[in-house]
Amino acid sequence: MGATVAQVESHGVDWELRLERDDVLPGTTVKGRVALAAPDGIAGRGIVAALVATEQWRYRESYTDSQGHVQTRTVTTTDELLRLPVQLSGPITLAPGERRELDLEVPVAPLGPATLEANASRLTWDLEVKLDREGAFDSKIVVPVRVLQPTALLRAGVVHVGEFALYEAADSATGEARATLEIKPMPICIGAPIDGALTIETDGELDLQEVRLELRVKVKATVPSGEEEELTVWVGRLAGEGRFGGASRTIPFRADIPALYLPTIELPHGRTDATCHVILAKAWARDAHLVRDVAICSTTEI
């Protein structure tokens, strides 16, 4: 969170845009101040600010090349999902060298959606301030902002999550191990610490390379032949090489989650799902995975 200052020259206008903060909550407003000056003077029908959400998703497409061979390519599609405009000024005329300043306050949609920074599916927000001109190119300044995914929207069921994704403790099992993984707070917040404990019991002692915990996010374009990617957000080592297991034991842990904008989210053409994997890493056999659903927010402000 922080203030943003941007400057740009566009079609004869020198713009300066100052925002109180560049990450905002759904249902609040983007607040700031915009200044414009025209060295040679300029006139327009009005000044409009708009908060614009753009969704992007990727899918695989088959085609036949000039030799008759079937090939596959990745197609990226972009769509303007939302545009929330606010009129800042009516008809305006600037004399040469004159500078005009205006306060701005642009509403954020109550349900977002939140910013998602991935490849298979993506959602970005921009604040656009434009001088609307008749018979000439509009002049504008565009600044990226981030809309956050609050805990409240996840708990309200706006986004569908796994059955136990919002519980602090959840059970999981494989053929040889049973575990309860507790994480506080839940949902997990990006850029913030978590505390937790793994309580695990195995059928007998296992010869392991390590026991590690991974926080993963699967991002999927929910269209035919949509691309998927699984991103590992955090990795922590819970136990080192050696004999492990048998009777039930509890291992506490603490982690600092990086500020990656990969919240639990549903979009018209994409979604994310988060899981925690307890991995029992073996030298000459398939690793055992104990998996539980989790949810990820990008703020705990509400």
Protein backbone atom coordinates (compact mmCIF):
# COMPACT_ATOMS: atom_id res chain seq x y z
CA MET A 1 0.00 0.00 0.00
CA GLY A 2 1.34 3.44 -0.85
CA ALA A 3 0.82 6.70 -2.67
CA THR A 4 1.37 6.87 -6.43
CA VAL A 5 2.54 9.80 -8.53
CA ALA A 6 2.53 9.50 -12.32
CA GLN A 7 3.32 12.00 -15.06
CA VAL A 8 2.82 11.72 -18.81
CA GLU A 9 2.46 13.88 -21.95
CA SER A 10 -0.46 12.94 -24.20
CA HIS A 11 -1.62 14.79 -27.32
CA GLY A 12 -0.60 18.23 -26.18
CA VAL A 13 -1.44 17.84 -22.48
CA ASP A 14 0.99 17.39 -19.59
CA TRP A 15 -0.69 15.22 -16.95
CA GLU A 16 0.13 14.55 -13.32
CA LEU A 17 -1.89 12.05 -11.28
CA ARG A 18 -1.50 11.54 -7.53
CA LEU A 19 -3.30 8.70 -5.74
CA GLU A 20 -3.60 8.32 -1.98
CA ARG A 21 -2.96 4.58 -2.39
CA ASP A 22 -2.53 2.25 -5.33
CA ASP A 23 -4.20 -0.80 -3.78
CA VAL A 24 -7.85 -0.50 -2.83
CA LEU A 25 -10.69 -2.48 -1.33
CA PRO A 26 -13.87 -3.48 -3.19
CA GLY A 27 -16.75 -1.16 -2.32
CA THR A 28 -14.45 1.77 -1.48
CA THR A 29 -13.06 4.52 -3.73
CA VAL A 30 -9.83 5.40 -5.47
CA LYS A 31 -8.94 8.87 -4.21
CA GLY A 32 -6.44 11.33 -5.55
CA ARG A 33 -5.80 14.53 -7.46
CA VAL A 34 -5.17 15.10 -11.14
CA ALA A 35 -3.47 18.11 -12.75
CA LEU A 36 -3.25 18.99 -16.43
CA ALA A 37 -1.54 21.74 -18.38
CA ALA A 38 -1.37 22.49 -22.10
CA PRO A 39 1.68 24.45 -23.31
CA ASP A 40 -0.22 25.55 -26.43
CA GLY A 41 -3.68 25.64 -24.89
CA ILE A 42 -6.45 23.12 -25.44
CA ALA A 43 -10.22 22.64 -25.14
CA GLY A 44 -12.39 19.62 -24.51
CA ARG A 45 -15.93 18.48 -23.84
CA GLY A 46 -15.08 17.25 -20.36
CA ILE A 47 -12.77 15.23 -18.15
CA VAL A 48 -13.78 11.69 -17.23
CA ALA A 49 -12.08 9.31 -14.80
CA ALA A 50 -12.76 5.59 -15.10
CA LEU A 51 -11.66 2.49 -13.23
CA VAL A 52 -11.23 -0.24 -15.84
CA ALA A 53 -10.96 -3.99 -15.22
CA THR A 54 -9.41 -6.11 -17.98
CA GLU A 55 -9.54 -9.91 -18.00
CA GLN A 56 -7.04 -11.98 -19.95
CA TRP A 57 -6.96 -15.74 -20.49
CA ARG A 58 -5.02 -18.26 -22.56
CA TYR A 59 -6.10 -21.42 -24.39
CA ARG A 60 -4.69 -23.91 -26.88
CA GLU A 61 -5.94 -23.89 -30.47
CA SER A 62 -5.31 -26.44 -33.24
CA TYR A 63 -4.86 -25.39 -36.86
CA THR A 64 -3.61 -26.85 -40.14
CA ASP A 65 -0.45 -25.31 -41.60
CA SER A 66 0.34 -24.83 -45.30
CA GLN A 67 1.78 -28.38 -45.52
CA GLY A 68 -1.40 -29.90 -44.14
CA HIS A 69 0.07 -30.67 -40.71
CA VAL A 70 -2.01 -30.10 -37.62
CA GLN A 71 -0.28 -27.70 -35.23
CA THR A 72 -1.19 -26.26 -31.85
CA ARG A 73 -0.69 -22.69 -30.68
CA THR A 74 -1.42 -20.66 -27.57
CA VAL A 75 -4.02 -17.93 -28.01
CA THR A 76 -4.35 -15.04 -25.56
CA THR A 77 -7.73 -13.29 -25.36
CA THR A 78 -8.35 -9.96 -23.64
CA ASP A 79 -11.70 -8.50 -22.65
CA GLU A 80 -12.67 -5.28 -20.87
CA LEU A 81 -14.68 -6.67 -17.99
CA LEU A 82 -15.80 -3.48 -16.20
CA ARG A 83 -15.59 0.27 -16.72
CA LEU A 84 -16.73 2.53 -13.89
CA PRO A 85 -16.68 6.18 -15.11
CA VAL A 86 -17.01 9.40 -13.12
CA GLN A 87 -17.40 12.85 -14.68
CA LEU A 88 -14.79 15.19 -13.16
CA SER A 89 -15.47 18.24 -15.30
CA GLY A 90 -17.79 19.56 -17.95
CA PRO A 91 -16.53 21.54 -20.99
CA ILE A 92 -13.06 22.89 -20.25
CA THR A 93 -10.65 25.32 -21.92
CA LEU A 94 -7.01 25.77 -20.94
CA ALA A 95 -5.07 28.84 -22.07
CA PRO A 96 -1.44 28.27 -23.14
CA GLY A 97 0.58 27.32 -20.06
CA GLU A 98 -2.49 27.23 -17.79
CA ARG A 99 -2.62 24.47 -15.18
CA ARG A 100 -5.84 23.00 -13.80
CA GLU A 101 -6.16 20.68 -10.78
CA LEU A 102 -9.12 18.48 -9.87
CA ASP A 103 -9.88 16.11 -7.01
CA LEU A 104 -11.00 12.65 -8.02
CA GLU A 105 -12.89 9.92 -6.25
CA VAL A 106 -13.75 6.85 -8.33
CA PRO A 107 -15.84 3.97 -6.90
CA VAL A 108 -14.54 0.39 -6.83
CA ALA A 109 -17.07 -2.33 -7.64
CA PRO A 110 -18.42 -3.94 -4.42
CA LEU A 111 -17.37 -7.45 -5.48
CA GLY A 112 -14.17 -6.55 -7.31
CA PRO A 113 -12.98 -8.82 -8.82
CA ALA A 114 -9.56 -8.70 -7.23
CA THR A 115 -6.30 -8.30 -9.10
CA LEU A 116 -4.84 -11.60 -10.32
CA GLU A 117 -1.29 -11.65 -11.69
CA ALA A 118 -0.78 -14.96 -13.50
CA ASN A 119 -0.42 -16.15 -17.09
CA ALA A 120 -3.17 -18.70 -17.75
CA SER A 121 -5.72 -16.27 -16.29
CA ARG A 122 -5.20 -12.63 -15.35
CA LEU A 123 -7.20 -9.64 -14.08
CA THR A 124 -5.78 -6.12 -14.07
CA TRP A 125 -7.19 -2.72 -13.08
CA ASP A 126 -6.27 0.70 -14.45
CA LEU A 127 -7.36 4.19 -13.51
CA GLU A 128 -7.84 6.21 -16.68
CA VAL A 129 -8.35 10.00 -16.67
CA LYS A 130 -9.26 11.38 -20.08
CA LEU A 131 -9.85 14.77 -21.71
CA ASP A 132 -12.69 14.11 -24.16
CA ARG A 133 -12.16 16.11 -27.36
CA GLU A 134 -14.46 16.47 -30.36
CA GLY A 135 -12.87 15.77 -33.73
CA ALA A 136 -9.41 15.14 -32.27
CA PHE A 137 -7.53 12.52 -30.32
CA ASP A 138 -8.50 12.29 -26.67
CA SER A 139 -5.69 13.01 -24.22
CA LYS A 140 -5.33 10.73 -21.19
CA ILE A 141 -3.23 9.34 -18.40
CA VAL A 142 -3.48 5.68 -17.31
CA VAL A 143 -2.14 4.35 -14.01
CA PRO A 144 -2.32 0.72 -12.83
CA VAL A 145 -3.97 0.02 -9.48
CA ARG A 146 -4.62 -3.20 -7.59
CA VAL A 147 -7.97 -4.25 -6.18
CA LEU A 148 -7.59 -6.49 -3.13
CA GLN A 149 -9.41 -9.69 -2.21
CA PRO A 150 -10.66 -9.19 1.37
CA THR A 151 -11.32 -11.95 3.87
CA ALA A 152 -14.97 -10.89 4.12
CA LEU A 153 -15.78 -11.71 0.48
CA LEU A 154 -14.27 -15.18 0.80
CA ARG A 155 -16.18 -15.90 3.99
CA ALA A 156 -19.40 -14.58 2.43
CA GLY A 157 -19.26 -17.27 -0.25
CA VAL A 158 -18.75 -14.89 -3.17
CA VAL A 159 -16.02 -17.26 -4.36
CA HIS A 160 -16.55 -21.03 -4.27
CA VAL A 161 -13.75 -22.71 -2.30
CA GLY A 162 -12.93 -26.23 -1.14
CA GLU A 163 -15.11 -27.72 1.60
CA PHE A 164 -12.56 -27.12 4.38
CA ALA A 165 -10.61 -24.27 2.75
CA LEU A 166 -11.69 -21.69 5.34
CA TYR A 167 -11.11 -23.92 8.38
CA GLU A 168 -7.93 -23.33 10.39
CA ALA A 169 -7.44 -27.11 10.78
CA ALA A 170 -8.17 -29.80 8.21
CA ASP A 171 -7.35 -33.48 7.92
CA SER A 172 -5.74 -35.38 5.05
CA ALA A 173 -4.40 -38.87 4.49
CA THR A 174 -2.43 -41.12 2.16
CA GLY A 175 -2.06 -44.87 2.26
CA GLU A 176 0.64 -44.70 4.93
CA ALA A 177 0.10 -41.43 6.77
CA ARG A 178 -2.62 -39.34 8.37
CA ALA A 179 -2.26 -35.68 9.28
CA THR A 180 -3.99 -32.60 10.57
CA LEU A 181 -2.61 -29.35 9.21
CA GLU A 182 -3.51 -26.22 11.16
CA ILE A 183 -2.83 -22.74 9.74
CA LYS A 184 -3.57 -19.38 11.34
CA PRO A 185 -4.93 -17.05 10.15
CA MET A 186 -7.16 -18.57 7.51
CA PRO A 187 -7.60 -17.35 4.80
CA ILE A 188 -3.87 -16.98 4.24
CA CYS A 189 -2.98 -13.38 3.38
CA ILE A 190 -0.30 -12.52 0.85
CA GLY A 191 2.62 -10.54 2.24
CA ALA A 192 1.81 -11.58 5.82
CA PRO A 193 3.01 -14.25 8.25
CA ILE A 194 1.22 -17.45 9.16
CA ASP A 195 1.61 -19.79 12.12
CA GLY A 196 0.73 -23.43 12.01
CA ALA A 197 1.26 -26.95 13.20
CA LEU A 198 1.44 -30.31 11.46
CA THR A 199 0.22 -33.26 13.52
CA ILE A 200 1.16 -36.46 11.69
CA GLU A 201 1.08 -40.19 12.28
CA THR A 202 2.43 -42.92 9.98
CA ASP A 203 2.00 -46.70 9.90
CA GLY A 204 5.67 -47.07 10.79
CA GLU A 205 8.98 -45.28 10.52
CA LEU A 206 9.83 -44.05 7.02
CA ASP A 207 13.25 -43.38 5.50
CA LEU A 208 12.84 -39.85 4.14
CA GLN A 209 14.96 -37.19 2.48
CA GLU A 210 12.86 -34.48 4.09
CA VAL A 211 9.37 -33.40 5.08
CA ARG A 212 8.39 -30.12 3.46
CA LEU A 213 5.33 -27.93 3.22
CA GLU A 214 4.35 -26.18 0.00
CA LEU A 215 1.66 -23.58 -0.63
CA ARG A 216 0.48 -23.95 -4.21
CA VAL A 217 -1.98 -22.05 -6.38
CA LYS A 218 -3.52 -23.60 -9.47
CA VAL A 219 -4.59 -21.01 -12.05
CA LYS A 220 -6.93 -22.19 -14.79
CA ALA A 221 -8.60 -20.63 -17.81
CA THR A 222 -12.11 -22.10 -17.60
CA VAL A 223 -12.71 -22.23 -21.35
CA PRO A 224 -12.43 -25.15 -23.79
CA SER A 225 -8.72 -26.12 -24.06
CA GLY A 226 -7.94 -23.45 -21.45
CA GLU A 227 -4.39 -23.39 -20.12
CA GLU A 228 -3.51 -24.26 -16.53
CA GLU A 229 -0.51 -23.48 -14.36
CA GLU A 230 0.41 -24.44 -10.82
CA LEU A 231 2.51 -21.89 -8.96
CA THR A 232 4.42 -22.68 -5.78
CA VAL A 233 4.04 -19.62 -3.55
CA TRP A 234 6.03 -20.79 -0.52
CA VAL A 235 8.16 -23.79 0.49
CA GLY A 236 9.23 -24.66 4.04
CA ARG A 237 11.21 -27.57 5.49
CA LEU A 238 9.57 -29.27 8.47
CA ALA A 239 12.04 -32.15 8.99
CA GLY A 240 15.39 -33.19 7.54
CA GLU A 241 16.82 -36.44 6.22
CA GLY A 242 16.50 -39.59 8.29
CA ARG A 243 13.97 -41.88 9.90
CA PHE A 244 10.61 -40.22 10.42
CA GLY A 245 7.17 -41.17 11.64
CA GLY A 246 5.48 -43.82 13.65
CA ALA A 247 3.55 -42.46 16.62
CA SER A 248 1.73 -39.14 16.33
CA ARG A 249 3.92 -36.03 16.59
CA THR A 250 3.30 -32.32 16.18
CA ILE A 251 5.64 -29.98 14.31
CA PRO A 252 5.03 -26.22 14.66
CA PHE A 253 6.04 -23.85 11.88
CA ARG A 254 5.96 -20.20 10.91
CA ALA A 255 6.14 -18.67 7.43
CA ASP A 256 6.23 -15.28 5.76
CA ILE A 257 4.06 -15.49 2.64
CA PRO A 258 5.38 -13.42 -0.28
CA ALA A 259 3.24 -10.62 -1.72
CA LEU A 260 2.25 -12.39 -4.92
CA TYR A 261 -1.17 -11.36 -6.22
CA LEU A 262 -2.62 -14.86 -6.50
CA PRO A 263 -5.80 -14.67 -4.43
CA THR A 264 -8.57 -17.22 -4.43
CA ILE A 265 -10.82 -15.85 -7.15
CA GLU A 266 -13.47 -16.66 -9.77
CA LEU A 267 -13.60 -14.78 -13.08
CA PRO A 268 -15.86 -15.16 -16.13
CA HIS A 269 -13.09 -17.10 -17.90
CA GLY A 270 -10.78 -18.22 -15.12
CA ARG A 271 -10.33 -19.20 -11.48
CA THR A 272 -7.72 -20.08 -8.89
CA ASP A 273 -7.60 -22.80 -6.24
CA ALA A 274 -5.06 -22.97 -3.42
CA THR A 275 -3.76 -26.03 -1.59
CA CYS A 276 -1.13 -26.87 1.02
CA HIS A 277 0.94 -30.00 0.39
CA VAL A 278 2.81 -31.85 3.12
CA ILE A 279 5.36 -33.83 1.11
CA LEU A 280 7.11 -36.89 2.50
CA ALA A 281 10.10 -36.94 0.14
CA LYS A 282 11.59 -40.37 -0.54
CA ALA A 283 14.88 -41.20 -2.28
CA TRP A 284 13.81 -44.11 -4.51
CA ALA A 285 10.03 -44.05 -4.42
CA ARG A 286 7.14 -41.76 -5.23
CA ASP A 287 6.77 -38.94 -2.71
CA ALA A 288 3.68 -39.07 -0.52
CA HIS A 289 1.49 -35.95 -0.54
CA LEU A 290 -0.92 -34.98 2.23
CA VAL A 291 -3.07 -32.24 0.71
CA ARG A 292 -5.60 -29.81 2.17
CA ASP A 293 -7.55 -26.97 0.56
CA VAL A 294 -6.84 -23.41 1.71
CA ALA A 295 -8.00 -19.95 0.66
CA ILE A 296 -5.85 -16.89 -0.05
CA CYS A 297 -6.84 -13.25 0.43
CA SER A 298 -4.82 -10.15 -0.41
CA THR A 299 -5.83 -8.06 2.61
CA THR A 300 -7.13 -8.51 6.15
CA GLU A 301 -8.44 -4.93 6.38
CA ILE A 302 -12.04 -6.18 6.22
